[in-house]
């Protein structure tokens, strides 16, 4: 494993499972000091112990808790080089616009979009002082494509993440701060497994549209995040980094 992130400090939200966990492991393997942020103390602390980092419990929809997690990171390590704003939800009551209630809509927007706004708002001053930094915000391929099996608030929230990341990438480019949106396709995580376990038809309808014929492994997404965090992507900012197995490029898929 290369050491592209040697000595750098990374804060990862939603790091207790799925893509966040896989990225914490990948960052640590590449030499980074990792701050694991999650609402679940058991899983969060376990990952922090595994990567020899620190765990901070935070509700990413709460601005004071978001500010505190970066303060703890900076007070512990003296710098913040990478922010991977990854926490998100996809609850079953977020469905068609015809059936999704306003409370479900607002809850998803708060966790998936407002949290990214808060995380960027609070981490940018640290990176401005350092004159450098990489922010990676988890969007989704659904920010680019539409689906008949809708999760309306999730889709809208990820579109917001994509647009916000693009604007921040442009705004702060000359300060040495890169901001990119990561847009995974369906990933074999507990979140996806829970969704598909409840609706096999939806799972089948999604899988048929992936040219590679499978869901991504979380470690494959983590590899993309590590690239965006490293100097290998030094001329990439304000981008929509699609890691989707070819979904967004497909008209029809192979038999």
Protein backbone atom coordinates (compact mmCIF):
# COMPACT_ATOMS: atom_id res chain seq x y z
CA UNK A 1 0.00 0.00 0.00
CA UNK A 2 1.33 3.42 -0.95
CA UNK A 3 1.61 6.10 1.74
CA UNK A 4 0.02 8.98 -0.15
CA UNK A 5 -1.59 10.34 3.02
CA UNK A 6 1.40 10.03 5.34
CA UNK A 7 1.12 12.49 8.24
CA UNK A 8 -2.20 13.95 7.16
CA UNK A 9 -5.25 14.23 9.37
CA UNK A 10 -8.64 13.12 8.08
CA UNK A 11 -12.07 13.57 9.65
CA UNK A 12 -14.66 11.06 8.44
CA UNK A 13 -18.36 11.29 9.29
CA UNK A 14 -20.49 8.16 9.25
CA UNK A 15 -17.30 6.21 9.81
CA UNK A 16 -18.83 3.46 11.93
CA UNK A 17 -19.96 1.33 8.99
CA UNK A 18 -20.16 1.00 5.22
CA UNK A 19 -18.22 3.42 3.03
CA UNK A 20 -17.07 5.47 6.03
CA UNK A 21 -15.59 2.46 7.77
CA UNK A 22 -13.88 1.23 4.61
CA UNK A 23 -12.44 4.69 4.04
CA UNK A 24 -11.14 4.93 7.60
CA UNK A 25 -9.28 1.66 7.05
CA UNK A 26 -7.94 2.80 3.66
CA UNK A 27 -6.82 6.20 4.95
CA UNK A 28 -5.00 4.60 7.88
CA UNK A 29 -3.30 2.14 5.53
CA UNK A 30 -2.11 5.09 3.48
CA UNK A 31 -0.59 6.76 6.53
CA UNK A 32 -3.30 9.20 7.66
CA UNK A 33 -4.31 9.94 11.21
CA UNK A 34 -8.05 9.30 11.28
CA UNK A 35 -10.77 10.97 13.32
CA UNK A 36 -13.77 8.64 13.32
CA UNK A 37 -17.12 10.42 13.68
CA UNK A 38 -20.31 8.47 14.21
CA UNK A 39 -23.43 8.50 16.38
CA UNK A 40 -22.81 4.92 17.51
CA UNK A 41 -20.10 4.88 20.21
CA UNK A 42 -19.54 1.12 20.06
CA UNK A 43 -18.87 0.85 16.33
CA UNK A 44 -17.18 4.24 16.19
CA UNK A 45 -14.74 3.48 18.98
CA UNK A 46 -14.03 0.03 17.56
CA UNK A 47 -13.03 1.52 14.21
CA UNK A 48 -10.98 4.23 15.89
CA UNK A 49 -9.12 1.58 17.86
CA UNK A 50 -8.53 -0.46 14.71
CA UNK A 51 -7.01 2.48 12.82
CA UNK A 52 -5.21 3.84 15.90
CA UNK A 53 -7.13 7.09 15.63
CA UNK A 54 -9.67 8.85 17.81
CA UNK A 55 -13.45 8.64 18.01
CA UNK A 56 -15.77 11.62 18.36
CA UNK A 57 -19.49 11.21 18.83
CA UNK A 58 -21.41 13.84 16.90
CA UNK A 59 -24.83 14.49 15.46
CA UNK A 60 -23.86 16.05 12.14
CA UNK A 61 -27.13 17.99 11.96
CA UNK A 62 -26.12 19.92 15.10
CA UNK A 63 -23.78 22.82 14.34
CA UNK A 64 -22.19 22.97 17.79
CA UNK A 65 -21.41 19.24 17.70
CA UNK A 66 -19.96 19.58 14.19
CA UNK A 67 -17.81 22.50 15.33
CA UNK A 68 -16.66 20.47 18.33
CA UNK A 69 -15.62 17.44 16.27
CA UNK A 70 -13.26 19.59 14.20
CA UNK A 71 -11.97 21.34 17.32
CA UNK A 72 -11.19 17.97 18.90
CA UNK A 73 -9.45 16.86 15.70
CA UNK A 74 -7.36 20.03 15.53
CA UNK A 75 -6.58 20.08 19.25
CA UNK A 76 -5.44 16.46 19.05
CA UNK A 77 -3.38 16.54 15.86
CA UNK A 78 -2.75 20.23 15.13
CA UNK A 79 -4.12 20.15 11.61
CA UNK A 80 -7.03 19.04 9.43
CA UNK A 81 -6.09 18.07 5.88
CA UNK A 82 -9.04 15.99 4.73
CA UNK A 83 -12.76 16.11 5.45
CA UNK A 84 -14.84 13.23 4.15
CA UNK A 85 -18.45 14.26 4.75
CA UNK A 86 -20.09 10.92 4.32
CA UNK A 87 -22.87 10.50 6.91
CA UNK A 88 -26.31 9.87 5.41
CA UNK A 89 -29.58 8.00 5.68
CA UNK A 90 -32.05 6.35 3.33
CA UNK A 91 -35.13 5.46 5.41
CA UNK A 92 -38.02 3.34 4.08
CA UNK A 93 -40.55 6.15 4.49
CA UNK A 94 -38.68 8.16 1.85
CA UNK A 95 -40.36 6.87 -1.29
CA UNK A 96 -42.44 8.34 -4.10
CA UNK A 97 -43.27 12.02 -3.80
CA UNK A 98 -46.92 10.92 -3.66
CA UNK A 99 -46.41 8.96 -0.45
CA UNK A 100 -43.44 10.63 1.28
CA UNK A 101 -44.56 12.87 4.14
CA UNK A 102 -43.04 16.22 4.97
CA UNK A 103 -41.44 14.91 8.18
CA UNK A 104 -39.62 12.17 6.27
CA UNK A 105 -38.58 14.70 3.63
CA UNK A 106 -37.14 17.09 6.22
CA UNK A 107 -35.32 14.39 8.19
CA UNK A 108 -33.47 13.15 5.11
CA UNK A 109 -32.61 16.70 4.01
CA UNK A 110 -31.20 17.48 7.46
CA UNK A 111 -28.97 14.40 7.64
CA UNK A 112 -27.90 14.19 4.00
CA UNK A 113 -27.65 17.83 2.93
CA UNK A 114 -27.71 20.23 5.86
CA UNK A 115 -25.01 18.17 7.60
CA UNK A 116 -22.70 18.58 4.60
CA UNK A 117 -23.32 22.33 4.66
CA UNK A 118 -22.44 22.43 8.37
CA UNK A 119 -19.35 20.24 7.97
CA UNK A 120 -18.00 22.34 5.11
CA UNK A 121 -18.81 25.59 6.92
CA UNK A 122 -16.95 24.52 10.06
CA UNK A 123 -13.90 22.88 8.47
CA UNK A 124 -13.12 25.47 5.81
CA UNK A 125 -11.57 28.03 8.23
CA UNK A 126 -9.03 25.42 9.37
CA UNK A 127 -8.08 24.72 5.77
CA UNK A 128 -7.97 28.43 4.89
CA UNK A 129 -5.43 29.02 7.64
CA UNK A 130 -3.32 26.12 6.34
CA UNK A 131 -3.72 27.23 2.71
CA UNK A 132 -4.68 23.73 1.61
CA UNK A 133 -7.12 20.89 2.10
CA UNK A 134 -9.33 18.34 0.42
CA UNK A 135 -13.06 18.05 1.08
CA UNK A 136 -14.94 15.09 -0.30
CA UNK A 137 -18.73 15.10 0.01
CA UNK A 138 -20.74 11.94 -0.57
CA UNK A 139 -23.38 12.56 -3.22
CA UNK A 140 -24.73 9.70 -5.36
CA UNK A 141 -25.24 8.67 -8.95
CA UNK A 142 -28.92 9.56 -8.38
CA UNK A 143 -27.81 13.20 -8.32
CA UNK A 144 -27.14 12.71 -12.04
CA UNK A 145 -29.86 10.23 -13.03
CA UNK A 146 -33.56 9.76 -12.34
CA UNK A 147 -35.24 6.59 -11.09
CA UNK A 148 -38.78 5.30 -11.40
CA UNK A 149 -38.31 3.59 -8.03
CA UNK A 150 -37.87 6.92 -6.32
CA UNK A 151 -36.51 7.94 -2.94
CA UNK A 152 -37.50 11.52 -3.51
CA UNK A 153 -35.85 13.28 -0.57
CA UNK A 154 -32.67 11.19 -0.83
CA UNK A 155 -32.36 12.01 -4.53
CA UNK A 156 -33.00 15.72 -3.95
CA UNK A 157 -30.54 15.83 -1.04
CA UNK A 158 -27.78 14.26 -3.11
CA UNK A 159 -28.45 16.71 -5.94
CA UNK A 160 -27.94 19.46 -3.40
CA UNK A 161 -24.67 17.93 -2.22
CA UNK A 162 -23.44 17.79 -5.82
CA UNK A 163 -24.35 21.42 -6.56
CA UNK A 164 -22.93 22.71 -3.28
CA UNK A 165 -19.67 20.80 -3.76
CA UNK A 166 -19.26 22.23 -7.25
CA UNK A 167 -19.79 25.79 -6.01
CA UNK A 168 -17.43 25.41 -3.05
CA UNK A 169 -14.81 23.85 -5.31
CA UNK A 170 -14.91 26.92 -7.53
CA UNK A 171 -15.07 29.42 -4.67
CA UNK A 172 -12.08 28.12 -2.71
CA UNK A 173 -9.87 26.80 -5.53
CA UNK A 174 -7.37 29.68 -5.35
CA UNK A 175 -6.98 29.17 -1.62
CA UNK A 176 -5.57 25.70 -2.23
CA UNK A 177 -8.71 23.92 -1.05
CA UNK A 178 -10.25 21.28 -3.30
CA UNK A 179 -13.90 20.27 -2.93
CA UNK A 180 -15.32 17.32 -4.84
CA UNK A 181 -18.51 15.31 -4.82
CA UNK A 182 -18.16 11.54 -4.74
CA UNK A 183 -21.07 9.85 -6.54
CA UNK A 184 -21.14 6.11 -5.85
CA UNK A 185 -23.45 3.69 -7.56
CA UNK A 186 -25.18 1.06 -5.41
CA UNK A 187 -22.73 -0.22 -2.80
CA UNK A 188 -22.99 -3.49 -0.90
CA UNK A 189 -23.34 -1.87 2.55
CA UNK A 190 -25.69 -2.59 5.48
CA UNK A 191 -27.86 0.33 4.34
CA UNK A 192 -28.36 -1.13 0.88
CA UNK A 193 -28.77 -4.66 2.20
CA UNK A 194 -31.53 -3.51 4.54
CA UNK A 195 -33.34 -1.72 1.73
CA UNK A 196 -33.13 -4.66 -0.65
CA UNK A 197 -33.97 -7.26 1.95
CA UNK A 198 -37.32 -5.54 2.30
CA UNK A 199 -37.97 -5.34 -1.45
CA UNK A 200 -36.39 -7.99 -3.70
CA UNK A 201 -38.08 -6.57 -6.78
CA UNK A 202 -36.42 -3.20 -6.26
CA UNK A 203 -33.06 -4.93 -5.86
CA UNK A 204 -33.48 -6.82 -9.11
CA UNK A 205 -34.59 -3.69 -10.95
CA UNK A 206 -31.44 -1.89 -9.85
CA UNK A 207 -28.95 -4.67 -10.49
CA UNK A 208 -29.99 -5.17 -14.12
CA UNK A 209 -28.94 -1.60 -14.93
CA UNK A 210 -25.32 -1.99 -13.78
CA UNK A 211 -23.09 -2.86 -16.76
CA UNK A 212 -20.58 -4.58 -14.46
CA UNK A 213 -23.39 -6.80 -13.18
CA UNK A 214 -22.76 -6.34 -9.46
CA UNK A 215 -22.90 -3.84 -6.63
CA UNK A 216 -19.71 -2.07 -5.57
CA UNK A 217 -17.73 -3.16 -2.56
CA UNK A 218 -17.22 -0.42 0.01
CA UNK A 219 -13.46 -0.81 -0.33
CA UNK A 220 -13.73 0.17 -4.01
CA UNK A 221 -15.43 3.42 -3.06
CA UNK A 222 -12.84 4.00 -0.33
CA UNK A 223 -10.10 3.72 -2.96
CA UNK A 224 -11.76 6.53 -4.91
CA UNK A 225 -12.00 8.68 -1.77
CA UNK A 226 -8.31 8.09 -1.06
CA UNK A 227 -7.49 9.26 -4.58
CA UNK A 228 -9.52 12.46 -4.14
CA UNK A 229 -7.89 13.05 -0.75
CA UNK A 230 -4.37 12.64 -2.10
CA UNK A 231 -2.09 14.76 -4.26
CA UNK A 232 -2.74 12.35 -7.13
CA UNK A 233 -5.92 14.38 -7.71
CA UNK A 234 -4.23 17.77 -7.24
CA UNK A 235 -5.87 19.30 -10.35
CA UNK A 236 -9.34 17.92 -9.63
CA UNK A 237 -11.86 20.16 -7.92
CA UNK A 238 -15.55 21.06 -8.29
CA UNK A 239 -16.03 17.67 -9.93
CA UNK A 240 -18.68 14.98 -9.86
CA UNK A 241 -16.56 11.87 -9.34
CA UNK A 242 -18.78 9.02 -10.49
CA UNK A 243 -17.88 5.52 -9.27
CA UNK A 244 -20.93 3.65 -10.48
CA UNK A 245 -19.92 0.55 -12.44
CA UNK A 246 -20.95 2.23 -15.68
CA UNK A 247 -24.60 2.96 -14.77
CA UNK A 248 -24.57 6.59 -15.82
CA UNK A 249 -22.94 5.74 -19.14
CA UNK A 250 -25.28 2.93 -20.14
CA UNK A 251 -28.12 2.95 -22.65
CA UNK A 252 -28.56 -0.80 -22.41
CA UNK A 253 -26.52 -3.29 -20.39
CA UNK A 254 -24.93 -6.58 -21.50
CA UNK A 255 -27.02 -9.73 -21.53
